[in-house]
PDB file of all heavy atoms in Angstrom:
ATOM      1  N   ALA A   1      -3.086   1.576  28.353  1.00  0.00           N
ATOM      2  CA  ALA A   1      -4.535   1.394  28.408  1.00  0.00           C
ATOM      3  C   ALA A   1      -5.250   2.691  28.096  1.00  0.00           C
ATOM      4  O   ALA A   1      -4.849   3.763  28.541  1.00  0.00           O
ATOM      5  CB  ALA A   1      -4.943   0.909  29.795  1.00  0.00           C
ATOM      6  N   TYR A   2      -6.298   2.564  27.322  1.00  0.00           N
ATOM      7  CA  TYR A   2      -7.148   3.685  26.954  1.00  0.00           C
ATOM      8  C   TYR A   2      -8.598   3.299  27.208  1.00  0.00           C
ATOM      9  O   TYR A   2      -8.942   2.120  27.227  1.00  0.00           O
ATOM     10  CB  TYR A   2      -6.996   4.024  25.467  1.00  0.00           C
ATOM     11  CG  TYR A   2      -5.678   4.647  25.123  1.00  0.00           C
ATOM     12  CD1 TYR A   2      -4.555   3.871  24.897  1.00  0.00           C
ATOM     13  CD2 TYR A   2      -5.551   6.030  25.032  1.00  0.00           C
ATOM     14  CE1 TYR A   2      -3.332   4.442  24.581  1.00  0.00           C
ATOM     15  CE2 TYR A   2      -4.336   6.603  24.715  1.00  0.00           C
ATOM     16  CZ  TYR A   2      -3.236   5.807  24.488  1.00  0.00           C
ATOM     17  OH  TYR A   2      -2.035   6.384  24.186  1.00  0.00           O
ATOM     18  N   VAL A   3      -9.440   4.289  27.390  1.00  0.00           N
ATOM     19  CA  VAL A   3     -10.878   4.077  27.430  1.00  0.00           C
ATOM     20  C   VAL A   3     -11.478   4.845  26.250  1.00  0.00           C
ATOM     21  O   VAL A   3     -10.901   5.829  25.788  1.00  0.00           O
ATOM     22  CB  VAL A   3     -11.517   4.540  28.764  1.00  0.00           C
ATOM     23  CG1 VAL A   3     -11.035   3.673  29.914  1.00  0.00           C
ATOM     24  CG2 VAL A   3     -11.238   5.996  29.036  1.00  0.00           C
ATOM     25  N   ALA A   4     -12.604   4.369  25.775  1.00  0.00           N
ATOM     26  CA  ALA A   4     -13.254   5.006  24.633  1.00  0.00           C
ATOM     27  C   ALA A   4     -14.734   4.654  24.644  1.00  0.00           C
ATOM     28  O   ALA A   4     -15.162   3.719  25.333  1.00  0.00           O
ATOM     29  CB  ALA A   4     -12.616   4.532  23.329  1.00  0.00           C
ATOM     30  N   ASP A   5     -15.498   5.399  23.890  1.00  0.00           N
ATOM     31  CA  ASP A   5     -16.917   5.101  23.711  1.00  0.00           C
ATOM     32  C   ASP A   5     -17.086   4.283  22.438  1.00  0.00           C
ATOM     33  O   ASP A   5     -16.507   4.607  21.401  1.00  0.00           O
ATOM     34  CB  ASP A   5     -17.719   6.396  23.582  1.00  0.00           C
ATOM     35  CG  ASP A   5     -17.696   7.228  24.841  1.00  0.00           C
ATOM     36  OD1 ASP A   5     -17.648   6.644  25.941  1.00  0.00           O
ATOM     37  OD2 ASP A   5     -17.716   8.465  24.734  1.00  0.00           O
ATOM     38  N   TYR A   6     -17.875   3.226  22.538  1.00  0.00           N
ATOM     39  CA  TYR A   6     -18.169   2.371  21.387  1.00  0.00           C
ATOM     40  C   TYR A   6     -18.990   3.153  20.366  1.00  0.00           C
ATOM     41  O   TYR A   6     -19.923   3.855  20.725  1.00  0.00           O
ATOM     42  CB  TYR A   6     -18.942   1.140  21.857  1.00  0.00           C
ATOM     43  CG  TYR A   6     -19.518   0.309  20.741  1.00  0.00           C
ATOM     44  CD1 TYR A   6     -18.729  -0.610  20.071  1.00  0.00           C
ATOM     45  CD2 TYR A   6     -20.841   0.451  20.366  1.00  0.00           C
ATOM     46  CE1 TYR A   6     -19.248  -1.378  19.044  1.00  0.00           C
ATOM     47  CE2 TYR A   6     -21.368  -0.317  19.337  1.00  0.00           C
ATOM     48  CZ  TYR A   6     -20.571  -1.230  18.679  1.00  0.00           C
ATOM     49  OH  TYR A   6     -21.093  -1.991  17.665  1.00  0.00           O
ATOM     50  N   GLU A   7     -18.633   3.043  19.110  1.00  0.00           N
ATOM     51  CA  GLU A   7     -19.402   3.689  18.043  1.00  0.00           C
ATOM     52  C   GLU A   7     -20.114   2.649  17.175  1.00  0.00           C
ATOM     53  O   GLU A   7     -21.309   2.756  16.957  1.00  0.00           O
ATOM     54  CB  GLU A   7     -18.496   4.568  17.179  1.00  0.00           C
ATOM     55  CG  GLU A   7     -19.258   5.417  16.193  1.00  0.00           C
ATOM     56  CD  GLU A   7     -18.377   6.459  15.556  1.00  0.00           C
ATOM     57  OE1 GLU A   7     -17.935   7.375  16.278  1.00  0.00           O
ATOM     58  OE2 GLU A   7     -18.146   6.345  14.339  1.00  0.00           O
ATOM     59  N   SER A   8     -19.374   1.649  16.671  1.00  0.00           N
ATOM     60  CA  SER A   8     -19.993   0.650  15.812  1.00  0.00           C
ATOM     61  C   SER A   8     -19.040  -0.520  15.592  1.00  0.00           C
ATOM     62  O   SER A   8     -17.871  -0.455  15.957  1.00  0.00           O
ATOM     63  CB  SER A   8     -20.363   1.257  14.446  1.00  0.00           C
ATOM     64  OG  SER A   8     -19.188   1.658  13.758  1.00  0.00           O
ATOM     65  N   GLY A   9     -19.547  -1.558  14.964  1.00  0.00           N
ATOM     66  CA  GLY A   9     -18.722  -2.685  14.560  1.00  0.00           C
ATOM     67  C   GLY A   9     -18.838  -3.882  15.472  1.00  0.00           C
ATOM     68  O   GLY A   9     -19.436  -3.834  16.531  1.00  0.00           O
ATOM     69  N   GLU A  10     -18.244  -4.965  15.011  1.00  0.00           N
ATOM     70  CA  GLU A  10     -18.243  -6.234  15.728  1.00  0.00           C
ATOM     71  C   GLU A  10     -16.820  -6.596  16.140  1.00  0.00           C
ATOM     72  O   GLU A  10     -15.866  -6.317  15.416  1.00  0.00           O
ATOM     73  CB  GLU A  10     -18.804  -7.346  14.842  1.00  0.00           C
ATOM     74  CG  GLU A  10     -20.261  -7.151  14.460  1.00  0.00           C
ATOM     75  CD  GLU A  10     -21.197  -7.230  15.652  1.00  0.00           C
ATOM     76  OE1 GLU A  10     -20.960  -8.059  16.557  1.00  0.00           O
ATOM     77  OE2 GLU A  10     -22.168  -6.451  15.678  1.00  0.00           O
ATOM     78  N   ILE A  11     -16.690  -7.242  17.280  1.00  0.00           N
ATOM     79  CA  ILE A  11     -15.390  -7.729  17.733  1.00  0.00           C
ATOM     80  C   ILE A  11     -15.011  -8.934  16.865  1.00  0.00           C
ATOM     81  O   ILE A  11     -15.791  -9.877  16.742  1.00  0.00           O
ATOM     82  CB  ILE A  11     -15.428  -8.169  19.207  1.00  0.00           C
ATOM     83  CG1 ILE A  11     -15.799  -7.008  20.114  1.00  0.00           C
ATOM     84  CG2 ILE A  11     -14.099  -8.767  19.620  1.00  0.00           C
ATOM     85  CD1 ILE A  11     -16.002  -7.406  21.557  1.00  0.00           C
ATOM     86  N   VAL A  12     -13.829  -8.877  16.279  1.00  0.00           N
ATOM     87  CA  VAL A  12     -13.309  -9.996  15.498  1.00  0.00           C
ATOM     88  C   VAL A  12     -11.883 -10.275  15.993  1.00  0.00           C
ATOM     89  O   VAL A  12     -10.947  -9.589  15.601  1.00  0.00           O
ATOM     90  CB  VAL A  12     -13.302  -9.677  13.980  1.00  0.00           C
ATOM     91  CG1 VAL A  12     -12.764 -10.853  13.200  1.00  0.00           C
ATOM     92  CG2 VAL A  12     -14.689  -9.287  13.504  1.00  0.00           C
ATOM     93  N   PRO A  13     -11.725 -11.258  16.895  1.00  0.00           N
ATOM     94  CA  PRO A  13     -10.391 -11.551  17.423  1.00  0.00           C
ATOM     95  C   PRO A  13      -9.428 -11.999  16.324  1.00  0.00           C
ATOM     96  O   PRO A  13      -9.816 -12.734  15.414  1.00  0.00           O
ATOM     97  CB  PRO A  13     -10.629 -12.694  18.402  1.00  0.00           C
ATOM     98  CG  PRO A  13     -12.092 -12.694  18.681  1.00  0.00           C
ATOM     99  CD  PRO A  13     -12.746 -12.116  17.472  1.00  0.00           C
ATOM    100  N   GLN A  14      -8.209 -11.538  16.411  1.00  0.00           N
ATOM    101  CA  GLN A  14      -7.176 -11.952  15.457  1.00  0.00           C
ATOM    102  C   GLN A  14      -6.672 -13.330  15.866  1.00  0.00           C
ATOM    103  O   GLN A  14      -6.161 -13.514  16.975  1.00  0.00           O
ATOM    104  CB  GLN A  14      -6.027 -10.954  15.450  1.00  0.00           C
ATOM    105  CG  GLN A  14      -4.954 -11.278  14.450  1.00  0.00           C
ATOM    106  CD  GLN A  14      -3.851 -10.228  14.436  1.00  0.00           C
ATOM    107  OE1 GLN A  14      -4.025  -9.123  14.937  1.00  0.00           O
ATOM    108  NE2 GLN A  14      -2.729 -10.586  13.876  1.00  0.00           N
ATOM    109  N   GLU A  15      -6.816 -14.307  14.979  1.00  0.00           N
ATOM    110  CA  GLU A  15      -6.404 -15.685  15.274  1.00  0.00           C
ATOM    111  C   GLU A  15      -4.931 -15.741  15.645  1.00  0.00           C
ATOM    112  O   GLU A  15      -4.092 -15.104  15.018  1.00  0.00           O
ATOM    113  CB  GLU A  15      -6.669 -16.583  14.070  1.00  0.00           C
ATOM    114  CG  GLU A  15      -6.503 -18.050  14.377  1.00  0.00           C
ATOM    115  CD  GLU A  15      -6.891 -18.942  13.230  1.00  0.00           C
ATOM    116  OE1 GLU A  15      -7.820 -18.582  12.483  1.00  0.00           O
ATOM    117  OE2 GLU A  15      -6.262 -20.003  13.090  1.00  0.00           O
ATOM    118  N   GLY A  16      -4.635 -16.474  16.691  1.00  0.00           N
ATOM    119  CA  GLY A  16      -3.264 -16.610  17.165  1.00  0.00           C
ATOM    120  C   GLY A  16      -2.808 -15.472  18.052  1.00  0.00           C
ATOM    121  O   GLY A  16      -1.751 -15.537  18.660  1.00  0.00           O
ATOM    122  N   GLU A  17      -3.606 -14.431  18.171  1.00  0.00           N
ATOM    123  CA  GLU A  17      -3.250 -13.271  18.988  1.00  0.00           C
ATOM    124  C   GLU A  17      -4.176 -13.149  20.199  1.00  0.00           C
ATOM    125  O   GLU A  17      -3.724 -12.912  21.301  1.00  0.00           O
ATOM    126  CB  GLU A  17      -3.327 -11.995  18.143  1.00  0.00           C
ATOM    127  CG  GLU A  17      -2.961 -10.731  18.871  1.00  0.00           C
ATOM    128  CD  GLU A  17      -1.475 -10.635  19.210  1.00  0.00           C
ATOM    129  OE1 GLU A  17      -0.661 -11.282  18.539  1.00  0.00           O
ATOM    130  OE2 GLU A  17      -1.144  -9.916  20.158  1.00  0.00           O
ATOM    131  N   ILE A  18      -5.470 -13.288  19.972  1.00  0.00           N
ATOM    132  CA  ILE A  18      -6.471 -13.154  21.032  1.00  0.00           C
ATOM    133  C   ILE A  18      -7.367 -14.383  21.014  1.00  0.00           C
ATOM    134  O   ILE A  18      -7.955 -14.720  19.980  1.00  0.00           O
ATOM    135  CB  ILE A  18      -7.318 -11.872  20.844  1.00  0.00           C
ATOM    136  CG1 ILE A  18      -6.423 -10.640  20.938  1.00  0.00           C
ATOM    137  CG2 ILE A  18      -8.446 -11.810  21.862  1.00  0.00           C
ATOM    138  CD1 ILE A  18      -7.116  -9.335  20.676  1.00  0.00           C
ATOM    139  N   GLU A  19      -7.455 -15.051  22.151  1.00  0.00           N
ATOM    140  CA  GLU A  19      -8.226 -16.284  22.240  1.00  0.00           C
ATOM    141  C   GLU A  19      -9.727 -16.035  22.255  1.00  0.00           C
ATOM    142  O   GLU A  19     -10.516 -16.766  21.659  1.00  0.00           O
ATOM    143  CB  GLU A  19      -7.817 -17.037  23.506  1.00  0.00           C
ATOM    144  CG  GLU A  19      -8.481 -18.369  23.660  1.00  0.00           C
ATOM    145  CD  GLU A  19      -7.968 -19.109  24.880  1.00  0.00           C
ATOM    146  OE1 GLU A  19      -6.754 -19.112  25.123  1.00  0.00           O
ATOM    147  OE2 GLU A  19      -8.810 -19.679  25.598  1.00  0.00           O
ATOM    148  N   ASP A  20     -10.165 -14.985  22.959  1.00  0.00           N
ATOM    149  CA  ASP A  20     -11.592 -14.742  23.135  1.00  0.00           C
ATOM    150  C   ASP A  20     -11.814 -13.243  23.340  1.00  0.00           C
ATOM    151  O   ASP A  20     -11.005 -12.584  23.988  1.00  0.00           O
ATOM    152  CB  ASP A  20     -12.100 -15.519  24.343  1.00  0.00           C
ATOM    153  CG  ASP A  20     -13.603 -15.468  24.505  1.00  0.00           C
ATOM    154  OD1 ASP A  20     -14.318 -15.137  23.538  1.00  0.00           O
ATOM    155  OD2 ASP A  20     -14.087 -15.754  25.617  1.00  0.00           O
ATOM    156  N   ALA A  21     -12.887 -12.726  22.787  1.00  0.00           N
ATOM    157  CA  ALA A  21     -13.233 -11.308  22.978  1.00  0.00           C
ATOM    158  C   ALA A  21     -14.753 -11.205  22.976  1.00  0.00           C
ATOM    159  O   ALA A  21     -15.423 -11.741  22.079  1.00  0.00           O
ATOM    160  CB  ALA A  21     -12.631 -10.456  21.884  1.00  0.00           C
ATOM    161  N   ARG A  22     -15.292 -10.545  23.996  1.00  0.00           N
ATOM    162  CA  ARG A  22     -16.743 -10.393  24.129  1.00  0.00           C
ATOM    163  C   ARG A  22     -17.072  -9.062  24.786  1.00  0.00           C
ATOM    164  O   ARG A  22     -16.230  -8.464  25.431  1.00  0.00           O
ATOM    165  CB  ARG A  22     -17.316 -11.497  25.018  1.00  0.00           C
ATOM    166  CG  ARG A  22     -17.100 -12.891  24.501  1.00  0.00           C
ATOM    167  CD  ARG A  22     -17.707 -13.889  25.448  1.00  0.00           C
ATOM    168  NE  ARG A  22     -16.661 -14.405  26.332  1.00  0.00           N
ATOM    169  CZ  ARG A  22     -16.895 -15.124  27.413  1.00  0.00           C
ATOM    170  NH1 ARG A  22     -18.116 -15.374  27.794  1.00  0.00           N
ATOM    171  NH2 ARG A  22     -15.902 -15.561  28.136  1.00  0.00           N
ATOM    172  N   TRP A  23     -18.312  -8.639  24.664  1.00  0.00           N
ATOM    173  CA  TRP A  23     -18.834  -7.493  25.390  1.00  0.00           C
ATOM    174  C   TRP A  23     -19.492  -7.992  26.660  1.00  0.00           C
ATOM    175  O   TRP A  23     -20.112  -9.055  26.675  1.00  0.00           O
ATOM    176  CB  TRP A  23     -19.888  -6.745  24.569  1.00  0.00           C
ATOM    177  CG  TRP A  23     -19.398  -6.162  23.289  1.00  0.00           C
ATOM    178  CD1 TRP A  23     -19.754  -6.548  22.033  1.00  0.00           C
ATOM    179  CD2 TRP A  23     -18.473  -5.078  23.122  1.00  0.00           C
ATOM    180  NE1 TRP A  23     -19.110  -5.782  21.102  1.00  0.00           N
ATOM    181  CE2 TRP A  23     -18.315  -4.865  21.732  1.00  0.00           C
ATOM    182  CE3 TRP A  23     -17.757  -4.279  23.996  1.00  0.00           C
ATOM    183  CZ2 TRP A  23     -17.482  -3.883  21.221  1.00  0.00           C
ATOM    184  CZ3 TRP A  23     -16.925  -3.298  23.476  1.00  0.00           C
ATOM    185  CH2 TRP A  23     -16.800  -3.105  22.101  1.00  0.00           C
ATOM    186  N   PHE A  24     -19.384  -7.232  27.747  1.00  0.00           N
ATOM    187  CA  PHE A  24     -20.023  -7.582  29.015  1.00  0.00           C
ATOM    188  C   PHE A  24     -20.753  -6.379  29.578  1.00  0.00           C
ATOM    189  O   PHE A  24     -20.297  -5.238  29.444  1.00  0.00           O
ATOM    190  CB  PHE A  24     -18.983  -8.029  30.053  1.00  0.00           C
ATOM    191  CG  PHE A  24     -18.281  -9.299  29.699  1.00  0.00           C
ATOM    192  CD1 PHE A  24     -17.022  -9.264  29.134  1.00  0.00           C
ATOM    193  CD2 PHE A  24     -18.874 -10.522  29.937  1.00  0.00           C
ATOM    194  CE1 PHE A  24     -16.356 -10.426  28.802  1.00  0.00           C
ATOM    195  CE2 PHE A  24     -18.228 -11.701  29.609  1.00  0.00           C
ATOM    196  CZ  PHE A  24     -16.966 -11.656  29.046  1.00  0.00           C
ATOM    197  N   THR A  25     -21.855  -6.639  30.250  1.00  0.00           N
ATOM    198  CA  THR A  25     -22.539  -5.595  31.000  1.00  0.00           C
ATOM    199  C   THR A  25     -21.870  -5.482  32.372  1.00  0.00           C
ATOM    200  O   THR A  25     -21.119  -6.372  32.782  1.00  0.00           O
ATOM    201  CB  THR A  25     -24.028  -5.938  31.211  1.00  0.00           C
ATOM    202  OG1 THR A  25     -24.120  -7.101  32.037  1.00  0.00           O
ATOM    203  CG2 THR A  25     -24.738  -6.177  29.875  1.00  0.00           C
ATOM    204  N   ARG A  26     -22.185  -4.431  33.103  1.00  0.00           N
ATOM    205  CA  ARG A  26     -21.655  -4.302  34.452  1.00  0.00           C
ATOM    206  C   ARG A  26     -22.124  -5.455  35.338  1.00  0.00           C
ATOM    207  O   ARG A  26     -21.352  -6.003  36.111  1.00  0.00           O
ATOM    208  CB  ARG A  26     -22.050  -2.946  35.047  1.00  0.00           C
ATOM    209  CG  ARG A  26     -21.233  -1.803  34.516  1.00  0.00           C
ATOM    210  CD  ARG A  26     -21.657  -0.471  35.156  1.00  0.00           C
ATOM    211  NE  ARG A  26     -20.773   0.596  34.771  1.00  0.00           N
ATOM    212  CZ  ARG A  26     -20.923   1.349  33.685  1.00  0.00           C
ATOM    213  NH1 ARG A  26     -21.955   1.135  32.876  1.00  0.00           N
ATOM    214  NH2 ARG A  26     -20.063   2.313  33.405  1.00  0.00           N
ATOM    215  N   ASP A  27     -23.407  -5.808  35.226  1.00  0.00           N
ATOM    216  CA  ASP A  27     -23.928  -6.913  36.038  1.00  0.00           C
ATOM    217  C   ASP A  27     -23.220  -8.226  35.734  1.00  0.00           C
ATOM    218  O   ASP A  27     -22.944  -9.007  36.636  1.00  0.00           O
ATOM    219  CB  ASP A  27     -25.438  -7.069  35.837  1.00  0.00           C
ATOM    220  CG  ASP A  27     -26.242  -6.008  36.550  1.00  0.00           C
ATOM    221  OD1 ASP A  27     -25.695  -5.377  37.501  1.00  0.00           O
ATOM    222  OD2 ASP A  27     -27.398  -5.779  36.175  1.00  0.00           O
ATOM    223  N   GLU A  28     -22.917  -8.492  34.469  1.00  0.00           N
ATOM    224  CA  GLU A  28     -22.202  -9.718  34.114  1.00  0.00           C
ATOM    225  C   GLU A  28     -20.809  -9.737  34.736  1.00  0.00           C
ATOM    226  O   GLU A  28     -20.366 -10.770  35.244  1.00  0.00           O
ATOM    227  CB  GLU A  28     -22.110  -9.864  32.599  1.00  0.00           C
ATOM    228  CG  GLU A  28     -23.437 -10.212  31.955  1.00  0.00           C
ATOM    229  CD  GLU A  28     -23.407 -10.134  30.459  1.00  0.00           C
ATOM    230  OE1 GLU A  28     -22.619  -9.320  29.899  1.00  0.00           O
ATOM    231  OE2 GLU A  28     -24.176 -10.861  29.814  1.00  0.00           O
ATOM    232  N   LEU A  29     -20.120  -8.599  34.727  1.00  0.00           N
ATOM    233  CA  LEU A  29     -18.791  -8.560  35.327  1.00  0.00           C
ATOM    234  C   LEU A  29     -18.857  -8.697  36.836  1.00  0.00           C
ATOM    235  O   LEU A  29     -18.001  -9.332  37.445  1.00  0.00           O
ATOM    236  CB  LEU A  29     -18.060  -7.277  34.938  1.00  0.00           C
ATOM    237  CG  LEU A  29     -17.577  -7.228  33.495  1.00  0.00           C
ATOM    238  CD1 LEU A  29     -16.898  -5.902  33.210  1.00  0.00           C
ATOM    239  CD2 LEU A  29     -16.629  -8.369  33.192  1.00  0.00           C
ATOM    240  N   ARG A  30     -19.864  -8.096  37.439  1.00  0.00           N
ATOM    241  CA  ARG A  30     -20.012  -8.234  38.891  1.00  0.00           C
ATOM    242  C   ARG A  30     -20.308  -9.682  39.295  1.00  0.00           C
ATOM    243  O   ARG A  30     -19.981 -10.105  40.399  1.00  0.00           O
ATOM    244  CB  ARG A  30     -21.116  -7.307  39.393  1.00  0.00           C
ATOM    245  CG  ARG A  30     -20.732  -5.853  39.383  1.00  0.00           C
ATOM    246  CD  ARG A  30     -21.837  -4.965  39.960  1.00  0.00           C
ATOM    247  NE  ARG A  30     -21.463  -3.574  39.853  1.00  0.00           N
ATOM    248  CZ  ARG A  30     -22.065  -2.689  39.044  1.00  0.00           C
ATOM    249  NH1 ARG A  30     -23.093  -3.063  38.290  1.00  0.00           N
ATOM    250  NH2 ARG A  30     -21.650  -1.438  39.000  1.00  0.00           N
ATOM    251  N   ASN A  31     -20.946 -10.437  38.416  1.00  0.00           N
ATOM    252  CA  ASN A  31     -21.316 -11.827  38.688  1.00  0.00           C
ATOM    253  C   ASN A  31     -20.491 -12.798  37.842  1.00  0.00           C
ATOM    254  O   ASN A  31     -20.967 -13.861  37.461  1.00  0.00           O
ATOM    255  CB  ASN A  31     -22.808 -12.028  38.407  1.00  0.00           C
ATOM    256  CG  ASN A  31     -23.660 -11.160  39.307  1.00  0.00           C
ATOM    257  OD1 ASN A  31     -23.516 -11.198  40.523  1.00  0.00           O
ATOM    258  ND2 ASN A  31     -24.521 -10.364  38.722  1.00  0.00           N
ATOM    259  N   HIS A  32     -19.266 -12.440  37.559  1.00  0.00           N
ATOM    260  CA  HIS A  32     -18.423 -13.222  36.653  1.00  0.00           C
ATOM    261  C   HIS A  32     -18.248 -14.676  37.086  1.00  0.00           C
ATOM    262  O   HIS A  32     -18.266 -15.578  36.258  1.00  0.00           O
ATOM    263  CB  HIS A  32     -17.064 -12.548  36.469  1.00  0.00           C
ATOM    264  CG  HIS A  32     -16.293 -12.405  37.738  1.00  0.00           C
ATOM    265  ND1 HIS A  32     -15.458 -13.381  38.209  1.00  0.00           N
ATOM    266  CD2 HIS A  32     -16.282 -11.405  38.650  1.00  0.00           C
ATOM    267  CE1 HIS A  32     -14.932 -12.980  39.348  1.00  0.00           C
ATOM    268  NE2 HIS A  32     -15.411 -11.794  39.650  1.00  0.00           N
ATOM    269  N   ALA A  33     -18.093 -14.921  38.372  1.00  0.00           N
ATOM    270  CA  ALA A  33     -17.869 -16.299  38.838  1.00  0.00           C
ATOM    271  C   ALA A  33     -19.081 -17.181  38.527  1.00  0.00           C
ATOM    272  O   ALA A  33     -18.925 -18.325  38.100  1.00  0.00           O
ATOM    273  CB  ALA A  33     -17.556 -16.312  40.317  1.00  0.00           C
ATOM    274  N   ALA A  34     -20.270 -16.646  38.724  1.00  0.00           N
ATOM    275  CA  ALA A  34     -21.489 -17.406  38.436  1.00  0.00           C
ATOM    276  C   ALA A  34     -21.614 -17.696  36.938  1.00  0.00           C
ATOM    277  O   ALA A  34     -22.254 -18.672  36.551  1.00  0.00           O
ATOM    278  CB  ALA A  34     -22.714 -16.648  38.927  1.00  0.00           C
ATOM    279  N   LEU A  35     -21.008 -16.863  36.117  1.00  0.00           N
ATOM    280  CA  LEU A  35     -21.069 -17.055  34.669  1.00  0.00           C
ATOM    281  C   LEU A  35     -19.894 -17.878  34.143  1.00  0.00           C
ATOM    282  O   LEU A  35     -19.768 -18.101  32.945  1.00  0.00           O
ATOM    283  CB  LEU A  35     -21.121 -15.699  33.968  1.00  0.00           C
ATOM    284  CG  LEU A  35     -22.379 -14.878  34.256  1.00  0.00           C
ATOM    285  CD1 LEU A  35     -22.264 -13.486  33.658  1.00  0.00           C
ATOM    286  CD2 LEU A  35     -23.618 -15.589  33.724  1.00  0.00           C
ATOM    287  N   GLY A  36     -19.013 -18.297  35.053  1.00  0.00           N
ATOM    288  CA  GLY A  36     -17.959 -19.219  34.677  1.00  0.00           C
ATOM    289  C   GLY A  36     -16.675 -18.616  34.152  1.00  0.00           C
ATOM    290  O   GLY A  36     -15.909 -19.299  33.482  1.00  0.00           O
ATOM    291  N   PHE A  37     -16.406 -17.363  34.463  1.00  0.00           N
ATOM    292  CA  PHE A  37     -15.117 -16.788  34.075  1.00  0.00           C
ATOM    293  C   PHE A  37     -14.562 -15.950  35.220  1.00  0.00           C
ATOM    294  O   PHE A  37     -15.282 -15.572  36.134  1.00  0.00           O
ATOM    295  CB  PHE A  37     -15.214 -15.975  32.774  1.00  0.00           C
ATOM    296  CG  PHE A  37     -16.053 -14.732  32.856  1.00  0.00           C
ATOM    297  CD1 PHE A  37     -15.476 -13.509  33.164  1.00  0.00           C
ATOM    298  CD2 PHE A  37     -17.415 -14.774  32.611  1.00  0.00           C
ATOM    299  CE1 PHE A  37     -16.243 -12.355  33.232  1.00  0.00           C
ATOM    300  CE2 PHE A  37     -18.190 -13.628  32.672  1.00  0.00           C
ATOM    301  CZ  PHE A  37     -17.601 -12.417  32.977  1.00  0.00           C
ATOM    302  N   SER A  38     -13.270 -15.701  35.168  1.00  0.00           N
ATOM    303  CA  SER A  38     -12.638 -14.907  36.214  1.00  0.00           C
ATOM    304  C   SER A  38     -12.136 -13.589  35.639  1.00  0.00           C
ATOM    305  O   SER A  38     -11.943 -13.460  34.434  1.00  0.00           O
ATOM    306  CB  SER A  38     -11.477 -15.673  36.850  1.00  0.00           C
ATOM    307  OG  SER A  38     -10.522 -16.008  35.868  1.00  0.00           O
ATOM    308  N   LEU A  39     -11.940 -12.636  36.523  1.00  0.00           N
ATOM    309  CA  LEU A  39     -11.400 -11.337  36.128  1.00  0.00           C
ATOM    310  C   LEU A  39      -9.880 -11.396  36.141  1.00  0.00           C
ATOM    311  O   LEU A  39      -9.291 -12.273  36.784  1.00  0.00           O
ATOM    312  CB  LEU A  39     -11.886 -10.261  37.097  1.00  0.00           C
ATOM    313  CG  LEU A  39     -13.396 -10.002  37.119  1.00  0.00           C
ATOM    314  CD1 LEU A  39     -13.731  -8.911  38.132  1.00  0.00           C
ATOM    315  CD2 LEU A  39     -13.917  -9.645  35.738  1.00  0.00           C
ATOM    316  N   PRO A  40      -9.227 -10.452  35.467  1.00  0.00           N
ATOM    317  CA  PRO A  40      -7.762 -10.414  35.510  1.00  0.00           C
ATOM    318  C   PRO A  40      -7.255 -10.215  36.937  1.00  0.00           C
ATOM    319  O   PRO A  40      -8.001  -9.783  37.826  1.00  0.00           O
ATOM    320  CB  PRO A  40      -7.423  -9.193  34.639  1.00  0.00           C
ATOM    321  CG  PRO A  40      -8.624  -8.958  33.795  1.00  0.00           C
ATOM    322  CD  PRO A  40      -9.789  -9.413  34.609  1.00  0.00           C
ATOM    323  N   ARG A  41      -5.982 -10.488  37.150  1.00  0.00           N
ATOM    324  CA  ARG A  41      -5.367 -10.316  38.469  1.00  0.00           C
ATOM    325  C   ARG A  41      -5.596  -8.899  38.989  1.00  0.00           C
ATOM    326  O   ARG A  41      -5.623  -7.937  38.227  1.00  0.00           O
ATOM    327  CB  ARG A  41      -3.873 -10.562  38.386  1.00  0.00           C
ATOM    328  CG  ARG A  41      -3.482 -11.958  38.071  1.00  0.00           C
ATOM    329  CD  ARG A  41      -2.018 -12.154  37.881  1.00  0.00           C
ATOM    330  NE  ARG A  41      -1.178 -11.094  38.434  1.00  0.00           N
ATOM    331  CZ  ARG A  41       0.140 -11.145  38.491  1.00  0.00           C
ATOM    332  NH1 ARG A  41       0.761 -12.200  38.009  1.00  0.00           N
ATOM    333  NH2 ARG A  41       0.844 -10.168  38.993  1.00  0.00           N
ATOM    334  N   ALA A  42      -5.705  -8.775  40.294  1.00  0.00           N
ATOM    335  CA  ALA A  42      -5.989  -7.493  40.931  1.00  0.00           C
ATOM    336  C   ALA A  42      -4.905  -6.450  40.693  1.00  0.00           C
ATOM    337  O   ALA A  42      -5.186  -5.255  40.722  1.00  0.00           O
ATOM    338  CB  ALA A  42      -6.204  -7.688  42.424  1.00  0.00           C
ATOM    339  N   ASP A  43      -3.676  -6.881  40.438  1.00  0.00           N
ATOM    340  CA  ASP A  43      -2.587  -5.913  40.229  1.00  0.00           C
ATOM    341  C   ASP A  43      -2.352  -5.589  38.751  1.00  0.00           C
ATOM    342  O   ASP A  43      -1.361  -4.963  38.409  1.00  0.00           O
ATOM    343  CB  ASP A  43      -1.293  -6.433  40.864  1.00  0.00           C
ATOM    344  CG  ASP A  43      -0.802  -7.722  40.236  1.00  0.00           C
ATOM    345  OD1 ASP A  43      -1.570  -8.373  39.490  1.00  0.00           O
ATOM    346  OD2 ASP A  43       0.350  -8.099  40.493  1.00  0.00           O
TER     347      ASP A  43
END
C-alpha cells in the first residue's frame, strides 16, 4: 500500500479486474452505511 497526492486524470477501472472505483470525501466515508456501502474488513 502506498499513499499519494492526486494530480490529474479520471479513474477508469480495468474490466475484469476492478468492479468499481470512485472518489470519496471524508464525510462520505464516515457515513458509508447511510450511502449504502461498507468499508473493508477492519484487519
